[in-house]
Amino acid sequence: MFQHKVTVEYVGSESAAMPCPIKWLDNFAMRNFTNDAVFDDTLPVADGALEIGNRVPLDRLSAAMEDWFRRKGYLKKDEGLRVTLS
């Protein structure tokens, strides 16, 4: 089910990329806020590390996570999210 390893980092305007804390990733993965079952196939494994299933589109995952992290106050206005296959 979880066939891809993904790196999730947040980047500020003046700082280097940092791994997203597992607390953030777990909050996203455990909360079905999108009402989109495609994100059910996500499993946080460590800071900055997420495993996903084949049916999870990386671009939608990135956009949904960034939106959720902003709403939760994890990402500041000048920070962004970088989601890449490992």
PDB file of N, CA and C in Angstrom:
ATOM      1  N   MET A   1       0.817  -1.189   0.000  1.00  0.00           N
ATOM      2  CA  MET A   1       0.000   0.000   0.000  1.00  0.00           C
ATOM      3  C   MET A   1       0.868   1.262   0.000  1.00  0.00           C
ATOM      4  N   PHE A   2       1.869   1.345   0.862  1.00  0.00           N
ATOM      5  CA  PHE A   2       2.733   2.526   0.923  1.00  0.00           C
ATOM      6  C   PHE A   2       3.993   2.240   0.116  1.00  0.00           C
ATOM      7  N   GLN A   3       3.977   2.623  -1.150  1.00  0.00           N
ATOM      8  CA  GLN A   3       5.050   2.235  -2.062  1.00  0.00           C
ATOM      9  C   GLN A   3       6.054   3.335  -2.353  1.00  0.00           C
ATOM     10  N   HIS A   4       5.763   4.555  -1.966  1.00  0.00           N
ATOM     11  CA  HIS A   4       6.672   5.664  -2.248  1.00  0.00           C
ATOM     12  C   HIS A   4       7.086   6.347  -0.960  1.00  0.00           C
ATOM     13  N   LYS A   5       8.360   6.710  -0.896  1.00  0.00           N
ATOM     14  CA  LYS A   5       8.875   7.489   0.225  1.00  0.00           C
ATOM     15  C   LYS A   5       8.969   8.943  -0.233  1.00  0.00           C
ATOM     16  N   VAL A   6       8.484   9.829   0.628  1.00  0.00           N
ATOM     17  CA  VAL A   6       8.407  11.243   0.296  1.00  0.00           C
ATOM     18  C   VAL A   6       9.131  12.048   1.368  1.00  0.00           C
ATOM     19  N   THR A   7       9.850  13.066   0.929  1.00  0.00           N
ATOM     20  CA  THR A   7      10.489  14.008   1.844  1.00  0.00           C
ATOM     21  C   THR A   7       9.642  15.277   1.882  1.00  0.00           C
ATOM     22  N   VAL A   8       9.342  15.743   3.094  1.00  0.00           N
ATOM     23  CA  VAL A   8       8.524  16.943   3.273  1.00  0.00           C
ATOM     24  C   VAL A   8       9.333  17.950   4.083  1.00  0.00           C
ATOM     25  N   GLU A   9       9.606  19.099   3.454  1.00  0.00           N
ATOM     26  CA  GLU A   9      10.404  20.135   4.101  1.00  0.00           C
ATOM     27  C   GLU A   9       9.676  21.469   4.029  1.00  0.00           C
ATOM     28  N   TYR A  10       9.937  22.313   5.020  1.00  0.00           N
ATOM     29  CA  TYR A  10       9.429  23.676   4.928  1.00  0.00           C
ATOM     30  C   TYR A  10      10.614  24.615   4.742  1.00  0.00           C
ATOM     31  N   VAL A  11      10.365  25.655   3.954  1.00  0.00           N
ATOM     32  CA  VAL A  11      11.433  26.566   3.565  1.00  0.00           C
ATOM     33  C   VAL A  11      10.977  27.995   3.830  1.00  0.00           C
ATOM     34  N   GLY A  12      11.785  28.744   4.561  1.00  0.00           N
ATOM     35  CA  GLY A  12      11.525  30.152   4.799  1.00  0.00           C
ATOM     36  C   GLY A  12      12.239  31.003   3.773  1.00  0.00           C
ATOM     37  N   SER A  13      11.914  32.252   3.725  1.00  0.00           N
ATOM     38  CA  SER A  13      12.517  33.144   2.740  1.00  0.00           C
ATOM     39  C   SER A  13      14.009  33.347   2.990  1.00  0.00           C
ATOM     40  N   GLU A  14      14.448  33.204   4.223  1.00  0.00           N
ATOM     41  CA  GLU A  14      15.860  33.436   4.545  1.00  0.00           C
ATOM     42  C   GLU A  14      16.535  32.243   5.196  1.00  0.00           C
ATOM     43  N   SER A  15      15.886  31.095   5.224  1.00  0.00           N
ATOM     44  CA  SER A  15      16.471  29.956   5.918  1.00  0.00           C
ATOM     45  C   SER A  15      16.570  28.743   4.990  1.00  0.00           C
ATOM     46  N   ALA A  16      17.392  27.815   5.411  1.00  0.00           N
ATOM     47  CA  ALA A  16      17.535  26.566   4.668  1.00  0.00           C
ATOM     48  C   ALA A  16      16.312  25.681   4.893  1.00  0.00           C
ATOM     49  N   ALA A  17      16.131  24.710   4.026  1.00  0.00           N
ATOM     50  CA  ALA A  17      15.013  23.775   4.164  1.00  0.00           C
ATOM     51  C   ALA A  17      15.180  22.953   5.442  1.00  0.00           C
ATOM     52  N   MET A  18      14.075  22.783   6.148  1.00  0.00           N
ATOM     53  CA  MET A  18      14.059  21.996   7.384  1.00  0.00           C
ATOM     54  C   MET A  18      13.004  20.910   7.255  1.00  0.00           C
ATOM     55  N   PRO A  19      13.259  19.715   7.793  1.00  0.00           N
ATOM     56  CA  PRO A  19      12.246  18.666   7.742  1.00  0.00           C
ATOM     57  C   PRO A  19      11.012  19.068   8.557  1.00  0.00           C
ATOM     58  N   CYS A  20       9.843  18.787   8.026  1.00  0.00           N
ATOM     59  CA  CYS A  20       8.606  19.050   8.775  1.00  0.00           C
ATOM     60  C   CYS A  20       8.558  18.109   9.974  1.00  0.00           C
ATOM     61  N   PRO A  21       8.229  18.616  11.129  1.00  0.00           N
ATOM     62  CA  PRO A  21       8.115  17.749  12.304  1.00  0.00           C
ATOM     63  C   PRO A  21       7.049  16.670  12.089  1.00  0.00           C
ATOM     64  N   ILE A  22       7.301  15.512  12.641  1.00  0.00           N
ATOM     65  CA  ILE A  22       6.347  14.414  12.483  1.00  0.00           C
ATOM     66  C   ILE A  22       4.987  14.798  13.059  1.00  0.00           C
ATOM     67  N   LYS A  23       4.967  15.671  14.053  1.00  0.00           N
ATOM     68  CA  LYS A  23       3.697  16.144  14.628  1.00  0.00           C
ATOM     69  C   LYS A  23       2.823  16.771  13.540  1.00  0.00           C
ATOM     70  N   TRP A  24       3.429  17.589  12.657  1.00  0.00           N
ATOM     71  CA  TRP A  24       2.676  18.215  11.569  1.00  0.00           C
ATOM     72  C   TRP A  24       2.153  17.152  10.612  1.00  0.00           C
ATOM     73  N   LEU A  25       3.056  16.239  10.222  1.00  0.00           N
ATOM     74  CA  LEU A  25       2.691  15.203   9.257  1.00  0.00           C
ATOM     75  C   LEU A  25       1.589  14.305   9.811  1.00  0.00           C
ATOM     76  N   ASP A  26       1.708  13.961  11.078  1.00  0.00           N
ATOM     77  CA  ASP A  26       0.703  13.111  11.720  1.00  0.00           C
ATOM     78  C   ASP A  26      -0.639  13.823  11.788  1.00  0.00           C
ATOM     79  N   ASN A  27      -0.615  15.111  12.081  1.00  0.00           N
ATOM     80  CA  ASN A  27      -1.847  15.887  12.149  1.00  0.00           C
ATOM     81  C   ASN A  27      -2.552  15.886  10.798  1.00  0.00           C
ATOM     82  N   PHE A  28      -1.785  16.030   9.726  1.00  0.00           N
ATOM     83  CA  PHE A  28      -2.363  15.995   8.384  1.00  0.00           C
ATOM     84  C   PHE A  28      -2.905  14.605   8.066  1.00  0.00           C
ATOM     85  N   ALA A  29      -2.127  13.572   8.357  1.00  0.00           N
ATOM     86  CA  ALA A  29      -2.498  12.208   7.983  1.00  0.00           C
ATOM     87  C   ALA A  29      -3.678  11.679   8.787  1.00  0.00           C
ATOM     88  N   MET A  30      -3.824  12.122  10.019  1.00  0.00           N
ATOM     89  CA  MET A  30      -4.881  11.584  10.875  1.00  0.00           C
ATOM     90  C   MET A  30      -6.185  12.357  10.770  1.00  0.00           C
ATOM     91  N   ARG A  31      -6.178  13.424  10.039  1.00  0.00           N
ATOM     92  CA  ARG A  31      -7.353  14.274   9.966  1.00  0.00           C
ATOM     93  C   ARG A  31      -7.905  14.267   8.550  1.00  0.00           C
ATOM     94  N   ASN A  32      -9.095  13.818   8.385  1.00  0.00           N
ATOM     95  CA  ASN A  32      -9.693  13.764   7.049  1.00  0.00           C
ATOM     96  C   ASN A  32     -10.398  15.086   6.777  1.00  0.00           C
ATOM     97  N   PHE A  33      -9.627  16.157   6.713  1.00  0.00           N
ATOM     98  CA  PHE A  33     -10.198  17.483   6.541  1.00  0.00           C
ATOM     99  C   PHE A  33     -10.612  17.763   5.112  1.00  0.00           C
ATOM    100  N   THR A  34     -10.066  17.029   4.161  1.00  0.00           N
ATOM    101  CA  THR A  34     -10.355  17.307   2.754  1.00  0.00           C
ATOM    102  C   THR A  34     -11.569  16.538   2.259  1.00  0.00           C
ATOM    103  N   ASN A  35     -12.018  15.564   3.016  1.00  0.00           N
ATOM    104  CA  ASN A  35     -13.065  14.641   2.561  1.00  0.00           C
ATOM    105  C   ASN A  35     -12.654  13.960   1.262  1.00  0.00           C
ATOM    106  N   ASP A  36     -11.356  13.759   1.088  1.00  0.00           N
ATOM    107  CA  ASP A  36     -10.801  13.126  -0.096  1.00  0.00           C
ATOM    108  C   ASP A  36     -10.075  11.862   0.349  1.00  0.00           C
ATOM    109  N   ALA A  37     -10.638  10.712   0.024  1.00  0.00           N
ATOM    110  CA  ALA A  37     -10.091   9.438   0.478  1.00  0.00           C
ATOM    111  C   ALA A  37      -8.691   9.163  -0.057  1.00  0.00           C
ATOM    112  N   VAL A  38      -8.268   9.865  -1.099  1.00  0.00           N
ATOM    113  CA  VAL A  38      -6.941   9.632  -1.666  1.00  0.00           C
ATOM    114  C   VAL A  38      -5.853   9.880  -0.629  1.00  0.00           C
ATOM    115  N   PHE A  39      -6.074  10.772   0.320  1.00  0.00           N
ATOM    116  CA  PHE A  39      -5.059  11.075   1.327  1.00  0.00           C
ATOM    117  C   PHE A  39      -5.064  10.084   2.488  1.00  0.00           C
ATOM    118  N   ASP A  40      -5.949   9.093   2.450  1.00  0.00           N
ATOM    119  CA  ASP A  40      -5.926   8.041   3.465  1.00  0.00           C
ATOM    120  C   ASP A  40      -4.662   7.186   3.341  1.00  0.00           C
ATOM    121  N   ASP A  41      -4.061   7.183   2.157  1.00  0.00           N
ATOM    122  CA  ASP A  41      -2.865   6.369   1.906  1.00  0.00           C
ATOM    123  C   ASP A  41      -1.588   7.145   2.201  1.00  0.00           C
ATOM    124  N   THR A  42      -1.540   7.792   3.361  1.00  0.00           N
ATOM    125  CA  THR A  42      -0.349   8.513   3.801  1.00  0.00           C
ATOM    126  C   THR A  42       0.039   8.014   5.184  1.00  0.00           C
ATOM    127  N   LEU A  43       1.336   7.825   5.392  1.00  0.00           N
ATOM    128  CA  LEU A  43       1.829   7.317   6.670  1.00  0.00           C
ATOM    129  C   LEU A  43       3.090   8.089   7.081  1.00  0.00           C
ATOM    130  N   PRO A  44       2.994   8.938   8.110  1.00  0.00           N
ATOM    131  CA  PRO A  44       4.189   9.630   8.607  1.00  0.00           C
ATOM    132  C   PRO A  44       5.110   8.621   9.292  1.00  0.00           C
ATOM    133  N   VAL A  45       6.408   8.680   9.000  1.00  0.00           N
ATOM    134  CA  VAL A  45       7.340   7.726   9.607  1.00  0.00           C
ATOM    135  C   VAL A  45       8.433   8.397  10.435  1.00  0.00           C
ATOM    136  N   ALA A  46       8.718   9.674  10.177  1.00  0.00           N
ATOM    137  CA  ALA A  46       9.740  10.409  10.926  1.00  0.00           C
ATOM    138  C   ALA A  46       9.641  11.882  10.550  1.00  0.00           C
ATOM    139  N   ASP A  47      10.414  12.717  11.207  1.00  0.00           N
ATOM    140  CA  ASP A  47      10.463  14.125  10.811  1.00  0.00           C
ATOM    141  C   ASP A  47      10.841  14.209   9.335  1.00  0.00           C
ATOM    142  N   GLY A  48      10.021  14.880   8.553  1.00  0.00           N
ATOM    143  CA  GLY A  48      10.307  15.072   7.141  1.00  0.00           C
ATOM    144  C   GLY A  48      10.125  13.851   6.265  1.00  0.00           C
ATOM    145  N   ALA A  49       9.586  12.766   6.796  1.00  0.00           N
ATOM    146  CA  ALA A  49       9.452  11.528   6.021  1.00  0.00           C
ATOM    147  C   ALA A  49       8.013  11.013   6.062  1.00  0.00           C
ATOM    148  N   LEU A  50       7.516  10.737   4.877  1.00  0.00           N
ATOM    149  CA  LEU A  50       6.145  10.276   4.716  1.00  0.00           C
ATOM    150  C   LEU A  50       6.154   9.160   3.688  1.00  0.00           C
ATOM    151  N   GLU A  51       5.371   8.129   3.903  1.00  0.00           N
ATOM    152  CA  GLU A  51       5.195   7.095   2.896  1.00  0.00           C
ATOM    153  C   GLU A  51       3.785   7.236   2.344  1.00  0.00           C
ATOM    154  N   ILE A  52       3.665   7.075   1.024  1.00  0.00           N
ATOM    155  CA  ILE A  52       2.364   7.243   0.372  1.00  0.00           C
ATOM    156  C   ILE A  52       2.095   6.081  -0.573  1.00  0.00           C
ATOM    157  N   GLY A  53       0.826   5.888  -0.880  1.00  0.00           N
ATOM    158  CA  GLY A  53       0.412   4.870  -1.829  1.00  0.00           C
ATOM    159  C   GLY A  53       0.460   5.390  -3.256  1.00  0.00           C
ATOM    160  N   ASN A  54       0.300   4.483  -4.201  1.00  0.00           N
ATOM    161  CA  ASN A  54       0.352   4.830  -5.629  1.00  0.00           C
ATOM    162  C   ASN A  54      -0.702   5.827  -6.055  1.00  0.00           C
ATOM    163  N   ARG A  55      -1.844   5.799  -5.431  1.00  0.00           N
ATOM    164  CA  ARG A  55      -2.939   6.663  -5.887  1.00  0.00           C
ATOM    165  C   ARG A  55      -2.897   8.080  -5.324  1.00  0.00           C
ATOM    166  N   VAL A  56      -1.858   8.412  -4.541  1.00  0.00           N
ATOM    167  CA  VAL A  56      -1.720   9.761  -3.979  1.00  0.00           C
ATOM    168  C   VAL A  56      -0.925  10.629  -4.954  1.00  0.00           C
ATOM    169  N   PRO A  57      -1.571  11.609  -5.599  1.00  0.00           N
ATOM    170  CA  PRO A  57      -0.844  12.490  -6.516  1.00  0.00           C
ATOM    171  C   PRO A  57       0.009  13.491  -5.731  1.00  0.00           C
ATOM    172  N   LEU A  58       1.288  13.548  -6.054  1.00  0.00           N
ATOM    173  CA  LEU A  58       2.235  14.362  -5.306  1.00  0.00           C
ATOM    174  C   LEU A  58       1.884  15.848  -5.329  1.00  0.00           C
ATOM    175  N   ASP A  59       1.422  16.352  -6.466  1.00  0.00           N
ATOM    176  CA  ASP A  59       1.082  17.777  -6.549  1.00  0.00           C
ATOM    177  C   ASP A  59      -0.112  18.120  -5.666  1.00  0.00           C
ATOM    178  N   ARG A  60      -1.127  17.260  -5.659  1.00  0.00           N
ATOM    179  CA  ARG A  60      -2.291  17.503  -4.788  1.00  0.00           C
ATOM    180  C   ARG A  60      -1.935  17.358  -3.322  1.00  0.00           C
ATOM    181  N   LEU A  61      -1.069  16.391  -3.026  1.00  0.00           N
ATOM    182  CA  LEU A  61      -0.624  16.196  -1.643  1.00  0.00           C
ATOM    183  C   LEU A  61       0.101  17.435  -1.145  1.00  0.00           C
ATOM    184  N   SER A  62       1.006  17.948  -1.954  1.00  0.00           N
ATOM    185  CA  SER A  62       1.770  19.127  -1.581  1.00  0.00           C
ATOM    186  C   SER A  62       0.853  20.324  -1.329  1.00  0.00           C
ATOM    187  N   ALA A  63      -0.069  20.563  -2.246  1.00  0.00           N
ATOM    188  CA  ALA A  63      -0.996  21.699  -2.108  1.00  0.00           C
ATOM    189  C   ALA A  63      -1.889  21.542  -0.877  1.00  0.00           C
ATOM    190  N   ALA A  64      -2.402  20.342  -0.653  1.00  0.00           N
ATOM    191  CA  ALA A  64      -3.292  20.110   0.490  1.00  0.00           C
ATOM    192  C   ALA A  64      -2.539  20.240   1.810  1.00  0.00           C
ATOM    193  N   MET A  65      -1.309  19.730   1.853  1.00  0.00           N
ATOM    194  CA  MET A  65      -0.521  19.842   3.084  1.00  0.00           C
ATOM    195  C   MET A  65      -0.170  21.302   3.378  1.00  0.00           C
ATOM    196  N   GLU A  66       0.238  22.029   2.356  1.00  0.00           N
ATOM    197  CA  GLU A  66       0.591  23.436   2.574  1.00  0.00           C
ATOM    198  C   GLU A  66      -0.621  24.222   3.062  1.00  0.00           C
ATOM    199  N   ASP A  67      -1.768  23.969   2.458  1.00  0.00           N
ATOM    200  CA  ASP A  67      -3.000  24.644   2.894  1.00  0.00           C
ATOM    201  C   ASP A  67      -3.312  24.309   4.354  1.00  0.00           C
ATOM    202  N   TRP A  68      -3.241  23.025   4.700  1.00  0.00           N
ATOM    203  CA  TRP A  68      -3.548  22.592   6.067  1.00  0.00           C
ATOM    204  C   TRP A  68      -2.551  23.180   7.067  1.00  0.00           C
ATOM    205  N   PHE A  69      -1.256  23.156   6.729  1.00  0.00           N
ATOM    206  CA  PHE A  69      -0.244  23.683   7.642  1.00  0.00           C
ATOM    207  C   PHE A  69      -0.420  25.186   7.854  1.00  0.00           C
ATOM    208  N   ARG A  70      -0.839  25.897   6.839  1.00  0.00           N
ATOM    209  CA  ARG A  70      -1.099  27.341   6.992  1.00  0.00           C
ATOM    210  C   ARG A  70      -2.303  27.572   7.906  1.00  0.00           C
ATOM    211  N   ARG A  71      -3.370  26.796   7.684  1.00  0.00           N
ATOM    212  CA  ARG A  71      -4.569  26.959   8.531  1.00  0.00           C
ATOM    213  C   ARG A  71      -4.286  26.627   9.987  1.00  0.00           C
ATOM    214  N   LYS A  72      -3.393  25.675  10.219  1.00  0.00           N
ATOM    215  CA  LYS A  72      -3.039  25.296  11.589  1.00  0.00           C
ATOM    216  C   LYS A  72      -2.038  26.269  12.214  1.00  0.00           C
ATOM    217  N   GLY A  73      -1.445  27.158  11.394  1.00  0.00           N
ATOM    218  CA  GLY A  73      -0.467  28.103  11.906  1.00  0.00           C
ATOM    219  C   GLY A  73       0.951  27.545  11.957  1.00  0.00           C
ATOM    220  N   TYR A  74       1.184  26.379  11.351  1.00  0.00           N
ATOM    221  CA  TYR A  74       2.523  25.790  11.326  1.00  0.00           C
ATOM    222  C   TYR A  74       3.443  26.550  10.373  1.00  0.00           C
ATOM    223  N   LEU A  75       2.912  26.975   9.228  1.00  0.00           N
ATOM    224  CA  LEU A  75       3.694  27.720   8.243  1.00  0.00           C
ATOM    225  C   LEU A  75       3.364  29.196   8.343  1.00  0.00           C
ATOM    226  N   LYS A  76       4.408  30.000   8.371  1.00  0.00           N
ATOM    227  CA  LYS A  76       4.219  31.452   8.366  1.00  0.00           C
ATOM    228  C   LYS A  76       4.019  31.923   6.928  1.00  0.00           C
ATOM    229  N   LYS A  77       3.645  33.190   6.793  1.00  0.00           N
ATOM    230  CA  LYS A  77       3.330  33.741   5.485  1.00  0.00           C
ATOM    231  C   LYS A  77       4.482  33.620   4.487  1.00  0.00           C
ATOM    232  N   ASP A  78       5.708  33.811   4.956  1.00  0.00           N
ATOM    233  CA  ASP A  78       6.865  33.774   4.060  1.00  0.00           C
ATOM    234  C   ASP A  78       7.492  32.390   3.924  1.00  0.00           C
ATOM    235  N   GLU A  79       6.870  31.366   4.471  1.00  0.00           N
ATOM    236  CA  GLU A  79       7.382  30.000   4.381  1.00  0.00           C
ATOM    237  C   GLU A  79       6.594  29.203   3.362  1.00  0.00           C
ATOM    238  N   GLY A  80       7.258  28.218   2.780  1.00  0.00           N
ATOM    239  CA  GLY A  80       6.624  27.342   1.810  1.00  0.00           C
ATOM    240  C   GLY A  80       6.937  25.888   2.133  1.00  0.00           C
ATOM    241  N   LEU A  81       6.356  25.006   1.349  1.00  0.00           N
ATOM    242  CA  LEU A  81       6.514  23.579   1.562  1.00  0.00           C
ATOM    243  C   LEU A  81       7.130  22.960   0.313  1.00  0.00           C
ATOM    244  N   ARG A  82       8.053  22.030   0.512  1.00  0.00           N
ATOM    245  CA  ARG A  82       8.651  21.285  -0.600  1.00  0.00           C
ATOM    246  C   ARG A  82       8.420  19.798  -0.339  1.00  0.00           C
ATOM    247  N   VAL A  83       7.704  19.147  -1.261  1.00  0.00           N
ATOM    248  CA  VAL A  83       7.387  17.730  -1.151  1.00  0.00           C
ATOM    249  C   VAL A  83       8.005  17.032  -2.352  1.00  0.00           C
ATOM    250  N   THR A  84       8.915  16.089  -2.092  1.00  0.00           N
ATOM    251  CA  THR A  84       9.617  15.395  -3.172  1.00  0.00           C
ATOM    252  C   THR A  84       9.681  13.902  -2.905  1.00  0.00           C
ATOM    253  N   LEU A  85       9.727  13.128  -3.985  1.00  0.00           N
ATOM    254  CA  LEU A  85       9.938  11.691  -3.837  1.00  0.00           C
ATOM    255  C   LEU A  85      11.378  11.461  -3.403  1.00  0.00           C
ATOM    256  N   SER A  86      11.565  10.561  -2.449  1.00  0.00           N
ATOM    257  CA  SER A  86      12.921  10.276  -1.943  1.00  0.00           C
ATOM    258  C   SER A  86      13.586   9.195  -2.762  1.00  0.00           C
TER     259      SER A  86
END
